[in-house]
Amino acid sequence: MGVEQTVLFPAGHVPDWEPARLLLEQHGFPVQLRMIDGQLSFPDETPPADWRELRLGTPQGMVTVRREPGRAVFVTWGNADTALVQAWHAATWAFAEAGGGRVQAPTGSVSAAEFRRSADLPAVLREVV
């Protein structure tokens, strides 16, 4: 069983993988593609413009990104340990930041910056406040 969190994007545009990947890379958090739309992929492969689902491999475990109209849904295991939850939050933040999206958090809709300040993220992504 998985757990989900959602990011809503203005004007319905979910960002491509590359801007999110670059944000994570620039902050020292390595992520590789493992699957694109149910098919195995090369770690550095670029998904087609119409991708629907990405499986992201992190050192902590796997995070799934499902693209739907106007939103992206981030999924990981329901029994994820702290490190995998942090990776899940990292992917969520990166897409929200790359596309100007708003994370639908338990406390309400928050910007990428607000999510980054409040979410349990890997140490390399934590902001000094």
N, C-alpha and C. Protein backbone atom coordinates (compact mmCIF):
# COMPACT_ATOMS: atom_id res chain seq x y z
N MET A 1 0.83 -1.17 0.00
CA MET A 1 0.00 0.00 0.00
C MET A 1 0.89 1.24 0.00
N GLY A 2 0.51 2.24 -0.78
CA GLY A 2 1.32 3.44 -0.88
C GLY A 2 0.68 4.64 -0.21
N VAL A 3 1.48 5.67 -0.05
CA VAL A 3 1.00 6.95 0.44
C VAL A 3 1.27 7.99 -0.65
N GLU A 4 0.40 8.98 -0.73
CA GLU A 4 0.48 9.97 -1.80
C GLU A 4 0.52 11.38 -1.26
N GLN A 5 1.15 12.25 -2.04
CA GLN A 5 0.99 13.69 -1.84
C GLN A 5 0.91 14.32 -3.23
N THR A 6 0.17 15.41 -3.31
CA THR A 6 -0.16 16.01 -4.60
C THR A 6 0.36 17.43 -4.70
N VAL A 7 0.77 17.80 -5.91
CA VAL A 7 1.14 19.18 -6.21
C VAL A 7 0.24 19.65 -7.34
N LEU A 8 -0.44 20.77 -7.13
CA LEU A 8 -1.27 21.40 -8.16
C LEU A 8 -0.46 22.49 -8.84
N PHE A 9 -0.61 22.61 -10.17
CA PHE A 9 0.18 23.56 -10.95
C PHE A 9 -0.71 24.60 -11.61
N PRO A 10 -0.23 25.86 -11.64
CA PRO A 10 -1.01 26.92 -12.28
C PRO A 10 -1.17 26.64 -13.77
N ALA A 11 -2.31 27.01 -14.27
CA ALA A 11 -2.61 26.84 -15.70
C ALA A 11 -2.51 25.38 -16.12
N GLY A 12 -2.48 24.46 -15.17
CA GLY A 12 -2.51 23.04 -15.50
C GLY A 12 -1.24 22.47 -16.08
N HIS A 13 -0.12 23.18 -16.00
CA HIS A 13 1.12 22.71 -16.62
C HIS A 13 2.04 22.06 -15.59
N VAL A 14 2.19 20.74 -15.70
CA VAL A 14 3.13 20.00 -14.86
C VAL A 14 4.50 20.10 -15.52
N PRO A 15 5.54 20.46 -14.77
CA PRO A 15 6.86 20.61 -15.39
C PRO A 15 7.43 19.28 -15.87
N ASP A 16 8.32 19.38 -16.82
CA ASP A 16 9.04 18.21 -17.30
C ASP A 16 9.98 17.71 -16.21
N TRP A 17 10.52 16.54 -16.40
CA TRP A 17 11.44 15.92 -15.46
C TRP A 17 12.74 16.70 -15.32
N GLU A 18 13.28 17.20 -16.41
CA GLU A 18 14.62 17.80 -16.40
C GLU A 18 14.77 18.96 -15.42
N PRO A 19 13.86 19.94 -15.38
CA PRO A 19 14.03 21.03 -14.39
C PRO A 19 14.01 20.53 -12.95
N ALA A 20 13.16 19.57 -12.65
CA ALA A 20 13.11 19.01 -11.29
C ALA A 20 14.40 18.25 -10.98
N ARG A 21 14.87 17.47 -11.92
CA ARG A 21 16.11 16.71 -11.75
C ARG A 21 17.28 17.65 -11.50
N LEU A 22 17.35 18.72 -12.28
CA LEU A 22 18.43 19.69 -12.12
C LEU A 22 18.42 20.35 -10.74
N LEU A 23 17.24 20.70 -10.25
CA LEU A 23 17.15 21.29 -8.90
C LEU A 23 17.72 20.33 -7.85
N LEU A 24 17.33 19.07 -7.94
CA LEU A 24 17.82 18.08 -6.98
C LEU A 24 19.33 17.89 -7.11
N GLU A 25 19.80 17.82 -8.35
CA GLU A 25 21.24 17.64 -8.59
C GLU A 25 22.04 18.83 -8.05
N GLN A 26 21.54 20.05 -8.31
CA GLN A 26 22.24 21.25 -7.85
C GLN A 26 22.35 21.31 -6.32
N HIS A 27 21.44 20.65 -5.64
CA HIS A 27 21.46 20.62 -4.18
C HIS A 27 22.13 19.37 -3.62
N GLY A 28 22.75 18.59 -4.50
CA GLY A 28 23.50 17.42 -4.05
C GLY A 28 22.65 16.22 -3.68
N PHE A 29 21.43 16.13 -4.25
CA PHE A 29 20.56 14.99 -3.98
C PHE A 29 20.39 14.18 -5.26
N PRO A 30 21.12 13.06 -5.41
CA PRO A 30 21.08 12.29 -6.66
C PRO A 30 19.79 11.50 -6.83
N VAL A 31 19.22 11.62 -8.02
CA VAL A 31 18.01 10.88 -8.40
C VAL A 31 18.20 10.38 -9.82
N GLN A 32 17.82 9.13 -10.05
CA GLN A 32 17.92 8.56 -11.38
C GLN A 32 16.57 7.99 -11.80
N LEU A 33 16.29 8.10 -13.10
CA LEU A 33 15.10 7.44 -13.62
C LEU A 33 15.31 5.94 -13.61
N ARG A 34 14.27 5.21 -13.26
CA ARG A 34 14.31 3.74 -13.31
C ARG A 34 13.30 3.22 -14.32
N MET A 35 12.14 3.91 -14.40
CA MET A 35 11.09 3.50 -15.33
C MET A 35 10.37 4.74 -15.86
N ILE A 36 9.92 4.64 -17.09
CA ILE A 36 9.08 5.67 -17.71
C ILE A 36 7.85 4.96 -18.25
N ASP A 37 6.69 5.33 -17.76
CA ASP A 37 5.42 4.74 -18.21
C ASP A 37 5.46 3.21 -18.21
N GLY A 38 5.98 2.65 -17.13
CA GLY A 38 5.98 1.20 -16.97
C GLY A 38 7.08 0.46 -17.70
N GLN A 39 7.97 1.18 -18.37
CA GLN A 39 9.06 0.56 -19.12
C GLN A 39 10.39 0.92 -18.46
N LEU A 40 11.29 -0.06 -18.38
CA LEU A 40 12.62 0.22 -17.84
C LEU A 40 13.28 1.33 -18.64
N SER A 41 14.06 2.16 -17.96
CA SER A 41 14.73 3.26 -18.65
C SER A 41 16.19 3.30 -18.23
N PHE A 42 16.97 4.00 -19.00
CA PHE A 42 18.34 4.28 -18.60
C PHE A 42 18.29 5.37 -17.53
N PRO A 43 19.23 5.37 -16.57
CA PRO A 43 19.19 6.37 -15.49
C PRO A 43 19.21 7.82 -15.97
N ASP A 44 19.85 8.08 -17.09
CA ASP A 44 19.96 9.45 -17.60
C ASP A 44 19.04 9.71 -18.79
N GLU A 45 18.11 8.82 -19.03
CA GLU A 45 17.19 8.96 -20.16
C GLU A 45 16.26 10.16 -19.95
N THR A 46 15.88 10.80 -21.04
CA THR A 46 14.92 11.90 -20.99
C THR A 46 13.55 11.36 -21.36
N PRO A 47 12.58 11.51 -20.47
CA PRO A 47 11.23 11.02 -20.78
C PRO A 47 10.62 11.80 -21.94
N PRO A 48 9.72 11.17 -22.69
CA PRO A 48 9.03 11.91 -23.75
C PRO A 48 8.16 13.00 -23.14
N ALA A 49 7.80 13.98 -23.94
CA ALA A 49 7.01 15.12 -23.45
C ALA A 49 5.67 14.68 -22.87
N ASP A 50 5.13 13.58 -23.30
CA ASP A 50 3.81 13.13 -22.84
C ASP A 50 3.87 12.03 -21.78
N TRP A 51 4.97 11.94 -21.03
CA TRP A 51 5.07 10.90 -20.01
C TRP A 51 3.92 11.00 -19.03
N ARG A 52 3.54 9.83 -18.48
CA ARG A 52 2.45 9.77 -17.51
C ARG A 52 2.92 9.33 -16.13
N GLU A 53 4.00 8.50 -16.10
CA GLU A 53 4.48 8.02 -14.81
C GLU A 53 5.98 7.81 -14.87
N LEU A 54 6.66 8.28 -13.82
CA LEU A 54 8.10 8.08 -13.68
C LEU A 54 8.36 7.35 -12.38
N ARG A 55 9.32 6.44 -12.41
CA ARG A 55 9.79 5.82 -11.17
C ARG A 55 11.20 6.35 -10.95
N LEU A 56 11.40 6.99 -9.83
CA LEU A 56 12.66 7.63 -9.51
C LEU A 56 13.42 6.81 -8.48
N GLY A 57 14.66 6.50 -8.79
CA GLY A 57 15.51 5.79 -7.85
C GLY A 57 16.37 6.77 -7.09
N THR A 58 16.32 6.67 -5.76
CA THR A 58 17.17 7.47 -4.90
C THR A 58 17.98 6.51 -4.04
N PRO A 59 19.03 6.97 -3.41
CA PRO A 59 19.76 6.07 -2.50
C PRO A 59 18.86 5.53 -1.38
N GLN A 60 17.78 6.24 -1.08
CA GLN A 60 16.88 5.86 0.01
C GLN A 60 15.78 4.89 -0.44
N GLY A 61 15.52 4.81 -1.75
CA GLY A 61 14.45 3.95 -2.26
C GLY A 61 13.73 4.60 -3.43
N MET A 62 12.62 4.00 -3.81
CA MET A 62 11.88 4.39 -5.01
C MET A 62 10.73 5.34 -4.70
N VAL A 63 10.57 6.35 -5.57
CA VAL A 63 9.45 7.29 -5.51
C VAL A 63 8.80 7.29 -6.89
N THR A 64 7.49 7.21 -6.93
CA THR A 64 6.74 7.25 -8.18
C THR A 64 6.12 8.62 -8.36
N VAL A 65 6.18 9.15 -9.59
CA VAL A 65 5.53 10.41 -9.93
C VAL A 65 4.52 10.12 -11.02
N ARG A 66 3.26 10.38 -10.73
CA ARG A 66 2.19 10.22 -11.73
C ARG A 66 1.73 11.60 -12.18
N ARG A 67 1.80 11.83 -13.48
CA ARG A 67 1.34 13.12 -14.01
C ARG A 67 -0.11 12.99 -14.45
N GLU A 68 -0.92 13.89 -13.95
CA GLU A 68 -2.34 13.94 -14.27
C GLU A 68 -2.65 15.36 -14.71
N PRO A 69 -3.79 15.61 -15.32
CA PRO A 69 -4.10 16.97 -15.75
C PRO A 69 -4.00 17.98 -14.61
N GLY A 70 -3.08 18.92 -14.74
CA GLY A 70 -2.92 20.00 -13.78
C GLY A 70 -2.26 19.64 -12.47
N ARG A 71 -1.82 18.39 -12.33
CA ARG A 71 -1.22 18.01 -11.06
C ARG A 71 -0.26 16.84 -11.23
N ALA A 72 0.57 16.68 -10.21
CA ALA A 72 1.45 15.52 -10.12
C ALA A 72 1.21 14.89 -8.76
N VAL A 73 1.17 13.56 -8.76
CA VAL A 73 0.95 12.81 -7.53
C VAL A 73 2.22 12.02 -7.25
N PHE A 74 2.73 12.14 -6.04
CA PHE A 74 3.98 11.50 -5.62
C PHE A 74 3.63 10.36 -4.67
N VAL A 75 4.15 9.17 -4.98
CA VAL A 75 3.76 7.97 -4.24
C VAL A 75 5.00 7.26 -3.74
N THR A 76 4.92 6.77 -2.51
CA THR A 76 5.96 5.88 -1.99
C THR A 76 5.28 4.85 -1.10
N TRP A 77 6.06 3.96 -0.55
CA TRP A 77 5.53 2.88 0.29
C TRP A 77 4.92 3.43 1.57
N GLY A 78 3.83 2.84 1.99
CA GLY A 78 3.18 3.24 3.23
C GLY A 78 4.02 2.96 4.46
N ASN A 79 4.93 2.00 4.35
CA ASN A 79 5.80 1.67 5.49
C ASN A 79 7.21 2.23 5.30
N ALA A 80 7.31 3.31 4.54
CA ALA A 80 8.62 3.92 4.25
C ALA A 80 9.30 4.36 5.53
N ASP A 81 10.62 4.16 5.57
CA ASP A 81 11.39 4.65 6.71
C ASP A 81 11.63 6.15 6.56
N THR A 82 12.26 6.75 7.53
CA THR A 82 12.48 8.20 7.54
C THR A 82 13.24 8.67 6.30
N ALA A 83 14.27 7.94 5.90
CA ALA A 83 15.07 8.34 4.73
C ALA A 83 14.24 8.33 3.45
N LEU A 84 13.39 7.33 3.27
CA LEU A 84 12.56 7.27 2.06
C LEU A 84 11.50 8.36 2.09
N VAL A 85 10.94 8.66 3.24
CA VAL A 85 9.97 9.77 3.34
C VAL A 85 10.67 11.07 2.95
N GLN A 86 11.91 11.25 3.37
CA GLN A 86 12.65 12.45 2.99
C GLN A 86 12.86 12.52 1.48
N ALA A 87 13.17 11.40 0.84
CA ALA A 87 13.33 11.36 -0.61
C ALA A 87 12.01 11.69 -1.31
N TRP A 88 10.92 11.17 -0.79
CA TRP A 88 9.57 11.44 -1.31
C TRP A 88 9.29 12.94 -1.24
N HIS A 89 9.61 13.53 -0.10
CA HIS A 89 9.41 14.98 0.04
C HIS A 89 10.33 15.76 -0.90
N ALA A 90 11.54 15.27 -1.10
CA ALA A 90 12.49 15.95 -2.00
C ALA A 90 11.94 16.01 -3.42
N ALA A 91 11.43 14.89 -3.92
CA ALA A 91 10.86 14.86 -5.27
C ALA A 91 9.65 15.79 -5.36
N THR A 92 8.82 15.77 -4.35
CA THR A 92 7.64 16.64 -4.32
C THR A 92 8.07 18.11 -4.37
N TRP A 93 9.03 18.48 -3.53
CA TRP A 93 9.51 19.87 -3.51
C TRP A 93 10.08 20.26 -4.86
N ALA A 94 10.90 19.40 -5.47
CA ALA A 94 11.57 19.76 -6.72
C ALA A 94 10.57 20.04 -7.84
N PHE A 95 9.55 19.21 -7.97
CA PHE A 95 8.54 19.46 -9.00
C PHE A 95 7.75 20.72 -8.69
N ALA A 96 7.38 20.91 -7.42
CA ALA A 96 6.63 22.12 -7.05
C ALA A 96 7.46 23.37 -7.35
N GLU A 97 8.73 23.33 -6.99
CA GLU A 97 9.62 24.47 -7.24
C GLU A 97 9.79 24.71 -8.74
N ALA A 98 10.01 23.65 -9.49
CA ALA A 98 10.26 23.78 -10.93
C ALA A 98 9.05 24.32 -11.69
N GLY A 99 7.85 24.00 -11.21
CA GLY A 99 6.65 24.40 -11.94
C GLY A 99 5.79 25.44 -11.25
N GLY A 100 6.29 26.02 -10.16
CA GLY A 100 5.49 27.00 -9.43
C GLY A 100 4.23 26.41 -8.84
N GLY A 101 4.30 25.13 -8.46
CA GLY A 101 3.13 24.44 -7.94
C GLY A 101 2.92 24.64 -6.45
N ARG A 102 1.78 24.18 -5.99
CA ARG A 102 1.43 24.26 -4.57
C ARG A 102 1.19 22.85 -4.07
N VAL A 103 1.91 22.51 -3.01
CA VAL A 103 1.80 21.19 -2.39
C VAL A 103 0.54 21.16 -1.54
N GLN A 104 -0.23 20.11 -1.73
CA GLN A 104 -1.45 19.94 -0.94
C GLN A 104 -1.08 19.19 0.34
N ALA A 105 -0.70 19.95 1.35
CA ALA A 105 -0.21 19.40 2.62
C ALA A 105 -1.39 19.19 3.56
N PRO A 106 -1.19 18.39 4.61
CA PRO A 106 -2.26 18.17 5.59
C PRO A 106 -2.78 19.47 6.20
N THR A 107 -1.92 20.47 6.27
CA THR A 107 -2.32 21.76 6.86
C THR A 107 -2.91 22.72 5.84
N GLY A 108 -2.99 22.31 4.57
CA GLY A 108 -3.52 23.15 3.51
C GLY A 108 -2.54 23.28 2.37
N SER A 109 -2.87 24.09 1.39
CA SER A 109 -2.04 24.30 0.21
C SER A 109 -0.87 25.22 0.56
N VAL A 110 0.37 24.76 0.25
CA VAL A 110 1.55 25.55 0.56
C VAL A 110 2.44 25.68 -0.68
N SER A 111 3.18 26.77 -0.75
CA SER A 111 4.12 26.97 -1.85
C SER A 111 5.29 26.00 -1.70
N ALA A 112 6.10 25.90 -2.75
CA ALA A 112 7.29 25.06 -2.70
C ALA A 112 8.23 25.53 -1.59
N ALA A 113 8.39 26.84 -1.44
CA ALA A 113 9.27 27.39 -0.39
C ALA A 113 8.75 27.05 1.00
N GLU A 114 7.44 27.17 1.20
CA GLU A 114 6.85 26.82 2.50
C GLU A 114 7.01 25.33 2.78
N PHE A 115 6.80 24.51 1.75
CA PHE A 115 6.95 23.07 1.91
C PHE A 115 8.40 22.73 2.28
N ARG A 116 9.33 23.39 1.62
CA ARG A 116 10.75 23.13 1.90
C ARG A 116 11.11 23.47 3.35
N ARG A 117 10.53 24.53 3.86
CA ARG A 117 10.80 24.92 5.25
C ARG A 117 10.17 23.97 6.26
N SER A 118 9.02 23.38 5.92
CA SER A 118 8.28 22.59 6.91
C SER A 118 8.41 21.08 6.76
N ALA A 119 8.76 20.58 5.59
CA ALA A 119 8.81 19.13 5.35
C ALA A 119 10.10 18.52 5.89
N ASP A 120 10.03 17.25 6.19
CA ASP A 120 11.21 16.49 6.60
C ASP A 120 11.97 16.13 5.32
N LEU A 121 13.03 16.87 5.04
CA LEU A 121 13.81 16.70 3.82
C LEU A 121 15.19 16.15 4.14
N PRO A 122 15.86 15.57 3.13
CA PRO A 122 17.27 15.18 3.33
C PRO A 122 18.09 16.40 3.74
N ALA A 123 19.13 16.17 4.51
CA ALA A 123 19.95 17.27 5.04
C ALA A 123 20.43 18.24 3.97
N VAL A 124 20.77 17.75 2.78
CA VAL A 124 21.30 18.64 1.73
C VAL A 124 20.24 19.59 1.18
N LEU A 125 18.97 19.33 1.46
CA LEU A 125 17.89 20.19 0.96
C LEU A 125 17.28 21.09 2.03
N ARG A 126 17.72 20.93 3.25
CA ARG A 126 17.15 21.75 4.32
C ARG A 126 17.67 23.17 4.24
N GLU A 127 16.75 24.11 4.34
CA GLU A 127 17.12 25.52 4.35
C GLU A 127 17.47 25.95 5.75
N VAL A 128 18.39 26.85 5.85
CA VAL A 128 18.68 27.48 7.14
C VAL A 128 17.71 28.65 7.26
N VAL A 129 16.90 28.62 8.27
CA VAL A 129 15.88 29.67 8.45
C VAL A 129 16.31 30.64 9.52
